Amino acid sequence: MKNKKEEQPAILICDCGSIEHQIVIQQDEEEGLIYCHIYLSNRSFFGRLKYGIKYIFGYKCRYGHWDEFIFKPEHAPKLLELSKLLSQNKN
């Protein structure tokens, strides 16, 4: 059990409103680190198998593997706070 006050994670949801486009940001003030957890699409077993086989044989999409996240103006305060925290903790 940790004695320190645990900070609630910040959840930023894309401006498009899709719950699949979200970033969960957690701070580790003790270590001076910030973790960004990004939602990964859920695929069926055969969908994962298909992508796994393509990966094994070196298939690369000419456009790369992209998804998107559209930041809203309301995200700015949290992003500034995280930026300040990282700036203070650089070695």
PDB file of N, CA and C in Angstrom:
ATOM      1  N   MET A   1       0.843  -1.178   0.000  1.00  0.00           N
ATOM      2  CA  MET A   1       0.000   0.000   0.000  1.00  0.00           C
ATOM      3  C   MET A   1       0.890   1.243   0.000  1.00  0.00           C
ATOM      4  N   LYS A   2       0.591   2.170  -0.872  1.00  0.00           N
ATOM      5  CA  LYS A   2       1.378   3.382  -0.975  1.00  0.00           C
ATOM      6  C   LYS A   2       0.851   4.430  -0.003  1.00  0.00           C
ATOM      7  N   ASN A   3       1.784   5.171   0.599  1.00  0.00           N
ATOM      8  CA  ASN A   3       1.406   6.218   1.532  1.00  0.00           C
ATOM      9  C   ASN A   3       1.127   7.543   0.842  1.00  0.00           C
ATOM     10  N   LYS A   4       1.742   7.752  -0.301  1.00  0.00           N
ATOM     11  CA  LYS A   4       1.578   9.031  -0.968  1.00  0.00           C
ATOM     12  C   LYS A   4       0.202   9.143  -1.606  1.00  0.00           C
ATOM     13  N   LYS A   5      -0.252  10.382  -1.764  1.00  0.00           N
ATOM     14  CA  LYS A   5      -1.529  10.640  -2.405  1.00  0.00           C
ATOM     15  C   LYS A   5      -1.420  10.281  -3.882  1.00  0.00           C
ATOM     16  N   GLU A   6      -2.307   9.433  -4.342  1.00  0.00           N
ATOM     17  CA  GLU A   6      -2.273   9.016  -5.742  1.00  0.00           C
ATOM     18  C   GLU A   6      -3.080   9.995  -6.573  1.00  0.00           C
ATOM     19  N   GLU A   7      -2.466  10.476  -7.636  1.00  0.00           N
ATOM     20  CA  GLU A   7      -3.106  11.394  -8.569  1.00  0.00           C
ATOM     21  C   GLU A   7      -4.027  10.601  -9.489  1.00  0.00           C
ATOM     22  N   GLN A   8      -5.230  11.101  -9.703  1.00  0.00           N
ATOM     23  CA  GLN A   8      -6.150  10.471 -10.632  1.00  0.00           C
ATOM     24  C   GLN A   8      -5.630  10.668 -12.060  1.00  0.00           C
ATOM     25  N   PRO A   9      -5.724   9.648 -12.895  1.00  0.00           N
ATOM     26  CA  PRO A   9      -5.249   9.819 -14.275  1.00  0.00           C
ATOM     27  C   PRO A   9      -6.123  10.805 -15.036  1.00  0.00           C
ATOM     28  N   ALA A  10      -5.501  11.505 -15.969  1.00  0.00           N
ATOM     29  CA  ALA A  10      -6.239  12.398 -16.862  1.00  0.00           C
ATOM     30  C   ALA A  10      -6.662  11.582 -18.067  1.00  0.00           C
ATOM     31  N   ILE A  11      -7.903  11.702 -18.454  1.00  0.00           N
ATOM     32  CA  ILE A  11      -8.397  10.991 -19.625  1.00  0.00           C
ATOM     33  C   ILE A  11      -8.791  12.040 -20.654  1.00  0.00           C
ATOM     34  N   LEU A  12      -8.083  12.025 -21.772  1.00  0.00           N
ATOM     35  CA  LEU A  12      -8.367  12.953 -22.853  1.00  0.00           C
ATOM     36  C   LEU A  12      -9.085  12.180 -23.950  1.00  0.00           C
ATOM     37  N   ILE A  13     -10.269  12.635 -24.307  1.00  0.00           N
ATOM     38  CA  ILE A  13     -11.047  11.976 -25.347  1.00  0.00           C
ATOM     39  C   ILE A  13     -11.015  12.859 -26.584  1.00  0.00           C
ATOM     40  N   CYS A  14     -10.742  12.252 -27.712  1.00  0.00           N
ATOM     41  CA  CYS A  14     -10.613  12.941 -28.993  1.00  0.00           C
ATOM     42  C   CYS A  14     -11.816  13.833 -29.284  1.00  0.00           C
ATOM     43  N   ASP A  15     -11.577  14.892 -30.010  1.00  0.00           N
ATOM     44  CA  ASP A  15     -12.627  15.827 -30.381  1.00  0.00           C
ATOM     45  C   ASP A  15     -13.703  15.160 -31.233  1.00  0.00           C
ATOM     46  N   CYS A  16     -13.371  14.060 -31.916  1.00  0.00           N
ATOM     47  CA  CYS A  16     -14.369  13.369 -32.737  1.00  0.00           C
ATOM     48  C   CYS A  16     -15.403  12.660 -31.875  1.00  0.00           C
ATOM     49  N   GLY A  17     -15.097  12.453 -30.575  1.00  0.00           N
ATOM     50  CA  GLY A  17     -16.037  11.833 -29.653  1.00  0.00           C
ATOM     51  C   GLY A  17     -15.949  10.324 -29.573  1.00  0.00           C
ATOM     52  N   SER A  18     -15.117   9.693 -30.374  1.00  0.00           N
ATOM     53  CA  SER A  18     -14.983   8.238 -30.344  1.00  0.00           C
ATOM     54  C   SER A  18     -14.255   7.810 -29.074  1.00  0.00           C
ATOM     55  N   ILE A  19     -14.854   6.885 -28.334  1.00  0.00           N
ATOM     56  CA  ILE A  19     -14.230   6.394 -27.104  1.00  0.00           C
ATOM     57  C   ILE A  19     -12.967   5.598 -27.414  1.00  0.00           C
ATOM     58  N   GLU A  20     -12.822   5.149 -28.674  1.00  0.00           N
ATOM     59  CA  GLU A  20     -11.615   4.438 -29.071  1.00  0.00           C
ATOM     60  C   GLU A  20     -10.432   5.387 -29.235  1.00  0.00           C
ATOM     61  N   HIS A  21     -10.691   6.672 -29.380  1.00  0.00           N
ATOM     62  CA  HIS A  21      -9.626   7.663 -29.524  1.00  0.00           C
ATOM     63  C   HIS A  21      -9.468   8.383 -28.199  1.00  0.00           C
ATOM     64  N   GLN A  22      -8.734   7.766 -27.302  1.00  0.00           N
ATOM     65  CA  GLN A  22      -8.511   8.369 -25.998  1.00  0.00           C
ATOM     66  C   GLN A  22      -7.080   8.133 -25.544  1.00  0.00           C
ATOM     67  N   ILE A  23      -6.614   9.030 -24.688  1.00  0.00           N
ATOM     68  CA  ILE A  23      -5.293   8.889 -24.074  1.00  0.00           C
ATOM     69  C   ILE A  23      -5.500   9.004 -22.567  1.00  0.00           C
ATOM     70  N   VAL A  24      -4.999   8.037 -21.847  1.00  0.00           N
ATOM     71  CA  VAL A  24      -5.033   8.082 -20.384  1.00  0.00           C
ATOM     72  C   VAL A  24      -3.627   8.443 -19.931  1.00  0.00           C
ATOM     73  N   ILE A  25      -3.511   9.535 -19.191  1.00  0.00           N
ATOM     74  CA  ILE A  25      -2.203  10.037 -18.767  1.00  0.00           C
ATOM     75  C   ILE A  25      -2.079   9.875 -17.256  1.00  0.00           C
ATOM     76  N   GLN A  26      -1.015   9.178 -16.832  1.00  0.00           N
ATOM     77  CA  GLN A  26      -0.742   8.982 -15.414  1.00  0.00           C
ATOM     78  C   GLN A  26       0.626   9.546 -15.087  1.00  0.00           C
ATOM     79  N   GLN A  27       0.695  10.216 -13.967  1.00  0.00           N
ATOM     80  CA  GLN A  27       1.947  10.818 -13.526  1.00  0.00           C
ATOM     81  C   GLN A  27       2.569   9.963 -12.430  1.00  0.00           C
ATOM     82  N   ASP A  28       3.877   9.808 -12.483  1.00  0.00           N
ATOM     83  CA  ASP A  28       4.634   9.189 -11.405  1.00  0.00           C
ATOM     84  C   ASP A  28       5.579  10.274 -10.902  1.00  0.00           C
ATOM     85  N   GLU A  29       5.101  11.053  -9.929  1.00  0.00           N
ATOM     86  CA  GLU A  29       5.874  12.188  -9.440  1.00  0.00           C
ATOM     87  C   GLU A  29       7.164  11.749  -8.764  1.00  0.00           C
ATOM     88  N   GLU A  30       7.149  10.573  -8.158  1.00  0.00           N
ATOM     89  CA  GLU A  30       8.334  10.057  -7.477  1.00  0.00           C
ATOM     90  C   GLU A  30       9.481   9.852  -8.460  1.00  0.00           C
ATOM     91  N   GLU A  31       9.170   9.300  -9.628  1.00  0.00           N
ATOM     92  CA  GLU A  31      10.174   9.034 -10.660  1.00  0.00           C
ATOM     93  C   GLU A  31      10.300  10.185 -11.652  1.00  0.00           C
ATOM     94  N   GLY A  32       9.341  11.104 -11.653  1.00  0.00           N
ATOM     95  CA  GLY A  32       9.355  12.209 -12.601  1.00  0.00           C
ATOM     96  C   GLY A  32       8.991  11.764 -14.011  1.00  0.00           C
ATOM     97  N   LEU A  33       8.133  10.758 -14.097  1.00  0.00           N
ATOM     98  CA  LEU A  33       7.739  10.216 -15.388  1.00  0.00           C
ATOM     99  C   LEU A  33       6.256  10.417 -15.626  1.00  0.00           C
ATOM    100  N   ILE A  34       5.886  10.415 -16.892  1.00  0.00           N
ATOM    101  CA  ILE A  34       4.492  10.495 -17.281  1.00  0.00           C
ATOM    102  C   ILE A  34       4.231   9.348 -18.251  1.00  0.00           C
ATOM    103  N   TYR A  35       3.185   8.593 -17.990  1.00  0.00           N
ATOM    104  CA  TYR A  35       2.817   7.468 -18.829  1.00  0.00           C
ATOM    105  C   TYR A  35       1.565   7.817 -19.621  1.00  0.00           C
ATOM    106  N   CYS A  36       1.597   7.573 -20.924  1.00  0.00           N
ATOM    107  CA  CYS A  36       0.442   7.770 -21.789  1.00  0.00           C
ATOM    108  C   CYS A  36      -0.009   6.405 -22.272  1.00  0.00           C
ATOM    109  N   HIS A  37      -1.226   6.048 -21.914  1.00  0.00           N
ATOM    110  CA  HIS A  37      -1.801   4.776 -22.336  1.00  0.00           C
ATOM    111  C   HIS A  37      -2.774   5.087 -23.465  1.00  0.00           C
ATOM    112  N   ILE A  38      -2.535   4.476 -24.606  1.00  0.00           N
ATOM    113  CA  ILE A  38      -3.343   4.737 -25.782  1.00  0.00           C
ATOM    114  C   ILE A  38      -4.137   3.488 -26.110  1.00  0.00           C
ATOM    115  N   TYR A  39      -5.412   3.673 -26.315  1.00  0.00           N
ATOM    116  CA  TYR A  39      -6.325   2.566 -26.620  1.00  0.00           C
ATOM    117  C   TYR A  39      -5.919   1.883 -27.918  1.00  0.00           C
ATOM    118  N   LEU A  40      -5.886   0.570 -27.909  1.00  0.00           N
ATOM    119  CA  LEU A  40      -5.607  -0.205 -29.118  1.00  0.00           C
ATOM    120  C   LEU A  40      -6.893  -0.885 -29.566  1.00  0.00           C
ATOM    121  N   SER A  41      -7.104  -0.907 -30.849  1.00  0.00           N
ATOM    122  CA  SER A  41      -8.315  -1.514 -31.398  1.00  0.00           C
ATOM    123  C   SER A  41      -8.387  -2.990 -31.037  1.00  0.00           C
ATOM    124  N   ASN A  42      -9.581  -3.434 -30.719  1.00  0.00           N
ATOM    125  CA  ASN A  42      -9.809  -4.836 -30.381  1.00  0.00           C
ATOM    126  C   ASN A  42     -10.173  -5.582 -31.654  1.00  0.00           C
ATOM    127  N   ARG A  43      -9.467  -6.652 -31.939  1.00  0.00           N
ATOM    128  CA  ARG A  43      -9.730  -7.440 -33.138  1.00  0.00           C
ATOM    129  C   ARG A  43     -10.017  -8.887 -32.739  1.00  0.00           C
ATOM    130  N   SER A  44     -10.725  -9.586 -33.608  1.00  0.00           N
ATOM    131  CA  SER A  44     -11.012 -10.999 -33.369  1.00  0.00           C
ATOM    132  C   SER A  44      -9.720 -11.801 -33.491  1.00  0.00           C
ATOM    133  N   PHE A  45      -9.771 -13.064 -33.104  1.00  0.00           N
ATOM    134  CA  PHE A  45      -8.599 -13.928 -33.185  1.00  0.00           C
ATOM    135  C   PHE A  45      -8.068 -13.974 -34.617  1.00  0.00           C
ATOM    136  N   PHE A  46      -8.972 -14.165 -35.584  1.00  0.00           N
ATOM    137  CA  PHE A  46      -8.530 -14.283 -36.970  1.00  0.00           C
ATOM    138  C   PHE A  46      -8.015 -12.953 -37.513  1.00  0.00           C
ATOM    139  N   GLY A  47      -8.575 -11.853 -37.045  1.00  0.00           N
ATOM    140  CA  GLY A  47      -8.061 -10.546 -37.433  1.00  0.00           C
ATOM    141  C   GLY A  47      -6.638 -10.347 -36.934  1.00  0.00           C
ATOM    142  N   ARG A  48      -6.386 -10.748 -35.684  1.00  0.00           N
ATOM    143  CA  ARG A  48      -5.032 -10.650 -35.121  1.00  0.00           C
ATOM    144  C   ARG A  48      -4.085 -11.605 -35.835  1.00  0.00           C
ATOM    145  N   LEU A  49      -4.572 -12.805 -36.167  1.00  0.00           N
ATOM    146  CA  LEU A  49      -3.752 -13.790 -36.880  1.00  0.00           C
ATOM    147  C   LEU A  49      -3.339 -13.249 -38.246  1.00  0.00           C
ATOM    148  N   LYS A  50      -4.295 -12.636 -38.958  1.00  0.00           N
ATOM    149  CA  LYS A  50      -4.008 -12.060 -40.279  1.00  0.00           C
ATOM    150  C   LYS A  50      -2.924 -10.990 -40.172  1.00  0.00           C
ATOM    151  N   TYR A  51      -3.061 -10.080 -39.201  1.00  0.00           N
ATOM    152  CA  TYR A  51      -2.057  -9.030 -39.027  1.00  0.00           C
ATOM    153  C   TYR A  51      -0.725  -9.602 -38.565  1.00  0.00           C
ATOM    154  N   GLY A  52      -0.778 -10.658 -37.745  1.00  0.00           N
ATOM    155  CA  GLY A  52       0.455 -11.300 -37.294  1.00  0.00           C
ATOM    156  C   GLY A  52       1.220 -11.946 -38.437  1.00  0.00           C
ATOM    157  N   ILE A  53       0.514 -12.612 -39.321  1.00  0.00           N
ATOM    158  CA  ILE A  53       1.164 -13.242 -40.483  1.00  0.00           C
ATOM    159  C   ILE A  53       1.775 -12.177 -41.387  1.00  0.00           C
ATOM    160  N   LYS A  54       1.037 -11.096 -41.621  1.00  0.00           N
ATOM    161  CA  LYS A  54       1.582 -10.000 -42.431  1.00  0.00           C
ATOM    162  C   LYS A  54       2.856  -9.448 -41.785  1.00  0.00           C
ATOM    163  N   TYR A  55       2.829  -9.292 -40.455  1.00  0.00           N
ATOM    164  CA  TYR A  55       3.994  -8.770 -39.732  1.00  0.00           C
ATOM    165  C   TYR A  55       5.188  -9.703 -39.883  1.00  0.00           C
ATOM    166  N   ILE A  56       4.960 -11.002 -39.722  1.00  0.00           N
ATOM    167  CA  ILE A  56       6.037 -11.992 -39.824  1.00  0.00           C
ATOM    168  C   ILE A  56       6.732 -11.921 -41.182  1.00  0.00           C
ATOM    169  N   PHE A  57       5.946 -11.720 -42.237  1.00  0.00           N
ATOM    170  CA  PHE A  57       6.505 -11.672 -43.582  1.00  0.00           C
ATOM    171  C   PHE A  57       6.915 -10.267 -44.011  1.00  0.00           C
ATOM    172  N   GLY A  58       6.911  -9.321 -43.071  1.00  0.00           N
ATOM    173  CA  GLY A  58       7.455  -7.995 -43.335  1.00  0.00           C
ATOM    174  C   GLY A  58       6.556  -7.044 -44.098  1.00  0.00           C
ATOM    175  N   TYR A  59       5.247  -7.304 -44.131  1.00  0.00           N
ATOM    176  CA  TYR A  59       4.335  -6.409 -44.836  1.00  0.00           C
ATOM    177  C   TYR A  59       4.331  -5.042 -44.164  1.00  0.00           C
ATOM    178  N   LYS A  60       4.446  -4.019 -44.965  1.00  0.00           N
ATOM    179  CA  LYS A  60       4.359  -2.655 -44.452  1.00  0.00           C
ATOM    180  C   LYS A  60       3.386  -1.885 -45.324  1.00  0.00           C
ATOM    181  N   CYS A  61       2.429  -1.273 -44.689  1.00  0.00           N
ATOM    182  CA  CYS A  61       1.479  -0.429 -45.409  1.00  0.00           C
ATOM    183  C   CYS A  61       2.226   0.808 -45.898  1.00  0.00           C
ATOM    184  N   ARG A  62       2.004   1.214 -47.122  1.00  0.00           N
ATOM    185  CA  ARG A  62       2.744   2.362 -47.644  1.00  0.00           C
ATOM    186  C   ARG A  62       2.399   3.652 -46.908  1.00  0.00           C
ATOM    187  N   TYR A  63       1.274   3.673 -46.203  1.00  0.00           N
ATOM    188  CA  TYR A  63       0.879   4.863 -45.444  1.00  0.00           C
ATOM    189  C   TYR A  63       1.314   4.779 -43.984  1.00  0.00           C
ATOM    190  N   GLY A  64       1.847   3.658 -43.574  1.00  0.00           N
ATOM    191  CA  GLY A  64       2.191   3.461 -42.174  1.00  0.00           C
ATOM    192  C   GLY A  64       0.962   3.003 -41.405  1.00  0.00           C
ATOM    193  N   HIS A  65       1.124   2.783 -40.138  1.00  0.00           N
ATOM    194  CA  HIS A  65       0.014   2.350 -39.286  1.00  0.00           C
ATOM    195  C   HIS A  65      -0.410   3.542 -38.447  1.00  0.00           C
ATOM    196  N   TRP A  66      -1.526   4.119 -38.807  1.00  0.00           N
ATOM    197  CA  TRP A  66      -1.961   5.356 -38.172  1.00  0.00           C
ATOM    198  C   TRP A  66      -3.332   5.206 -37.539  1.00  0.00           C
ATOM    199  N   ASP A  67      -3.512   5.909 -36.493  1.00  0.00           N
ATOM    200  CA  ASP A  67      -4.815   6.243 -35.964  1.00  0.00           C
ATOM    201  C   ASP A  67      -4.678   7.709 -35.630  1.00  0.00           C
ATOM    202  N   GLU A  68      -5.638   8.297 -35.041  1.00  0.00           N
ATOM    203  CA  GLU A  68      -5.521   9.726 -34.791  1.00  0.00           C
ATOM    204  C   GLU A  68      -6.090  10.097 -33.445  1.00  0.00           C
ATOM    205  N   PHE A  69      -5.665  11.240 -32.972  1.00  0.00           N
ATOM    206  CA  PHE A  69      -6.207  11.851 -31.774  1.00  0.00           C
ATOM    207  C   PHE A  69      -6.252  13.348 -32.035  1.00  0.00           C
ATOM    208  N   ILE A  70      -7.420  13.939 -31.931  1.00  0.00           N
ATOM    209  CA  ILE A  70      -7.585  15.365 -32.166  1.00  0.00           C
ATOM    210  C   ILE A  70      -7.690  16.054 -30.816  1.00  0.00           C
ATOM    211  N   PHE A  71      -6.692  16.878 -30.496  1.00  0.00           N
ATOM    212  CA  PHE A  71      -6.715  17.597 -29.232  1.00  0.00           C
ATOM    213  C   PHE A  71      -7.737  18.725 -29.284  1.00  0.00           C
ATOM    214  N   LYS A  72      -8.433  18.919 -28.175  1.00  0.00           N
ATOM    215  CA  LYS A  72      -9.391  20.007 -28.046  1.00  0.00           C
ATOM    216  C   LYS A  72      -8.741  21.114 -27.227  1.00  0.00           C
ATOM    217  N   PRO A  73      -9.232  22.336 -27.335  1.00  0.00           N
ATOM    218  CA  PRO A  73      -8.691  23.418 -26.506  1.00  0.00           C
ATOM    219  C   PRO A  73      -8.763  23.105 -25.007  1.00  0.00           C
ATOM    220  N   GLU A  74      -9.745  22.324 -24.609  1.00  0.00           N
ATOM    221  CA  GLU A  74      -9.882  21.969 -23.187  1.00  0.00           C
ATOM    222  C   GLU A  74      -8.738  21.085 -22.691  1.00  0.00           C
ATOM    223  N   HIS A  75      -7.991  20.473 -23.589  1.00  0.00           N
ATOM    224  CA  HIS A  75      -6.864  19.620 -23.207  1.00  0.00           C
ATOM    225  C   HIS A  75      -5.628  20.443 -22.845  1.00  0.00           C
ATOM    226  N   ALA A  76      -5.577  21.689 -23.275  1.00  0.00           N
ATOM    227  CA  ALA A  76      -4.378  22.524 -23.099  1.00  0.00           C
ATOM    228  C   ALA A  76      -3.908  22.635 -21.651  1.00  0.00           C
ATOM    229  N   PRO A  77      -4.786  22.909 -20.666  1.00  0.00           N
ATOM    230  CA  PRO A  77      -4.287  23.037 -19.288  1.00  0.00           C
ATOM    231  C   PRO A  77      -3.580  21.776 -18.784  1.00  0.00           C
ATOM    232  N   LYS A  78      -4.130  20.598 -19.087  1.00  0.00           N
ATOM    233  CA  LYS A  78      -3.511  19.356 -18.619  1.00  0.00           C
ATOM    234  C   LYS A  78      -2.178  19.127 -19.325  1.00  0.00           C
ATOM    235  N   LEU A  79      -2.120  19.426 -20.624  1.00  0.00           N
ATOM    236  CA  LEU A  79      -0.869  19.258 -21.364  1.00  0.00           C
ATOM    237  C   LEU A  79       0.202  20.227 -20.859  1.00  0.00           C
ATOM    238  N   LEU A  80      -0.189  21.457 -20.522  1.00  0.00           N
ATOM    239  CA  LEU A  80       0.764  22.422 -19.960  1.00  0.00           C
ATOM    240  C   LEU A  80       1.272  21.959 -18.594  1.00  0.00           C
ATOM    241  N   GLU A  81       0.355  21.430 -17.787  1.00  0.00           N
ATOM    242  CA  GLU A  81       0.739  20.922 -16.464  1.00  0.00           C
ATOM    243  C   GLU A  81       1.750  19.782 -16.598  1.00  0.00           C
ATOM    244  N   LEU A  82       1.506  18.877 -17.529  1.00  0.00           N
ATOM    245  CA  LEU A  82       2.421  17.755 -17.745  1.00  0.00           C
ATOM    246  C   LEU A  82       3.768  18.232 -18.276  1.00  0.00           C
ATOM    247  N   SER A  83       3.743  19.216 -19.156  1.00  0.00           N
ATOM    248  CA  SER A  83       4.975  19.781 -19.699  1.00  0.00           C
ATOM    249  C   SER A  83       5.819  20.414 -18.593  1.00  0.00           C
ATOM    250  N   LYS A  84       5.186  21.153 -17.703  1.00  0.00           N
ATOM    251  CA  LYS A  84       5.901  21.788 -16.583  1.00  0.00           C
ATOM    252  C   LYS A  84       6.512  20.732 -15.668  1.00  0.00           C
ATOM    253  N   LEU A  85       5.746  19.669 -15.397  1.00  0.00           N
ATOM    254  CA  LEU A  85       6.251  18.604 -14.532  1.00  0.00           C
ATOM    255  C   LEU A  85       7.484  17.953 -15.144  1.00  0.00           C
ATOM    256  N   LEU A  86       7.444  17.666 -16.441  1.00  0.00           N
ATOM    257  CA  LEU A  86       8.597  17.056 -17.095  1.00  0.00           C
ATOM    258  C   LEU A  86       9.798  18.013 -17.134  1.00  0.00           C
ATOM    259  N   SER A  87       9.557  19.305 -17.338  1.00  0.00           N
ATOM    260  CA  SER A  87      10.633  20.289 -17.375  1.00  0.00           C
ATOM    261  C   SER A  87      11.334  20.403 -16.020  1.00  0.00           C
ATOM    262  N   GLN A  88      10.572  20.304 -14.948  1.00  0.00           N
ATOM    263  CA  GLN A  88      11.133  20.410 -13.603  1.00  0.00           C
ATOM    264  C   GLN A  88      11.977  19.208 -13.249  1.00  0.00           C
ATOM    265  N   ASN A  89      11.654  18.058 -13.823  1.00  0.00           N
ATOM    266  CA  ASN A  89      12.312  16.801 -13.441  1.00  0.00           C
ATOM    267  C   ASN A  89      13.434  16.368 -14.366  1.00  0.00           C
ATOM    268  N   LYS A  90      13.834  17.223 -15.304  1.00  0.00           N
ATOM    269  CA  LYS A  90      14.906  16.773 -16.195  1.00  0.00           C
ATOM    270  C   LYS A  90      16.239  16.787 -15.445  1.00  0.00           C
ATOM    271  N   ASN A  91      17.064  15.827 -15.774  1.00  0.00           N
ATOM    272  CA  ASN A  91      18.333  15.656 -15.060  1.00  0.00           C
ATOM    273  C   ASN A  91      19.438  16.406 -15.736  1.00  0.00           C
TER     274      ASN A  91
END
